[in-house]
Protein backbone atom coordinates (compact mmCIF):
# COMPACT_ATOMS: atom_id res chain seq x y z
CA MET A 1 -8.70 5.20 -22.55
CA LEU A 2 -9.15 2.83 -24.96
CA ASP A 3 -9.33 4.07 -28.69
CA VAL A 4 -11.69 2.83 -31.33
CA ASP A 5 -8.94 0.68 -32.92
CA ILE A 6 -8.27 -1.13 -29.75
CA LEU A 7 -11.87 -1.87 -29.51
CA ASN A 8 -12.12 -2.94 -33.18
CA GLN A 9 -9.39 -5.48 -32.55
CA LEU A 10 -10.85 -6.87 -29.57
CA HIS A 11 -14.23 -7.10 -31.62
CA GLY A 12 -12.45 -9.28 -34.19
CA ALA A 13 -10.52 -11.28 -31.39
CA SER A 14 -11.17 -14.99 -30.10
CA ILE A 15 -12.92 -15.50 -26.98
CA GLU A 16 -9.58 -16.48 -25.29
CA GLU A 17 -7.77 -13.35 -26.57
CA ARG A 18 -10.76 -11.13 -25.13
CA ILE A 19 -10.44 -13.08 -21.62
CA ARG A 20 -6.63 -12.44 -21.57
CA ALA A 21 -7.14 -8.88 -22.26
CA ILE A 22 -9.65 -8.66 -19.53
CA GLU A 23 -7.32 -10.57 -17.06
CA MET A 24 -4.51 -7.97 -17.88
CA ILE A 25 -6.79 -5.06 -17.49
CA LEU A 26 -8.01 -6.63 -14.12
CA ASN A 27 -4.56 -7.19 -13.03
CA SER A 28 -3.47 -3.72 -13.70
CA LEU A 29 -6.33 -2.54 -11.56
CA LYS A 30 -5.34 -4.75 -8.88
CA GLN A 31 -1.90 -3.43 -9.05
CA ASP A 32 -3.09 0.13 -8.77
CA LEU A 33 -5.38 -0.63 -5.72
CA ARG A 34 -2.51 -2.20 -3.88
CA ALA A 35 -0.31 1.01 -4.34
CA SER A 36 -3.21 3.08 -3.70
CA ASN A 37 -3.77 1.10 -0.27
CA ALA A 38 -0.19 1.05 0.55
CA GLN A 39 0.07 4.92 -0.11
CA SER A 40 -2.90 5.66 2.27
CA ILE A 41 -1.37 3.31 4.92
CA ALA A 42 1.85 5.25 4.66
CA GLU A 43 -0.13 8.31 5.10
CA GLN A 44 -2.02 7.25 8.11
CA ARG A 45 0.99 5.92 9.84
CA PRO A 46 4.12 8.35 9.07
CA LEU A 47 6.23 6.49 11.60
CA ARG A 48 5.80 3.14 10.41
CA GLY A 49 9.25 1.72 9.45
CA LYS A 50 11.14 4.54 11.19
CA VAL A 51 14.36 3.84 12.94
CA ARG A 52 13.88 4.17 17.03
CA HIS A 53 16.55 4.23 19.27
CA TYR A 54 16.37 3.70 23.20
CA GLU A 55 18.97 4.97 25.40
CA ASP A 56 18.89 2.81 28.65
CA PRO A 57 15.20 1.41 27.90
CA TYR A 58 14.72 -0.34 30.98
CA GLU A 59 15.95 2.57 33.37
CA PRO A 60 12.94 4.36 35.15
CA VAL A 61 11.81 7.53 33.51
CA ALA A 62 11.81 10.60 36.02
CA ALA A 63 11.75 8.37 39.29
CA GLU A 64 13.12 11.27 41.25
CA THR A 65 10.09 13.07 40.72
CA TRP A 66 7.81 10.47 42.15
CA GLU A 67 6.73 11.24 45.66
CA ALA A 68 5.93 7.72 46.60
CA SER A 69 9.59 6.81 46.02
CA ALA A 70 10.78 9.50 48.55
């Protein structure tokens, strides 16, 4: 939270300095939102980015159990 001293300094600052302060605050908020979104995506998709390994990926699965193949 901003304390009174910072607010007093902003009150005496030029318009350009106030705009820069607002831009810094907004950039900080954007970064927080991106981090929050990235975290929620990771929570929604826990397997994303995990290494997968397939042994014989083109071999039929349980072909011997199909009645039609007999």
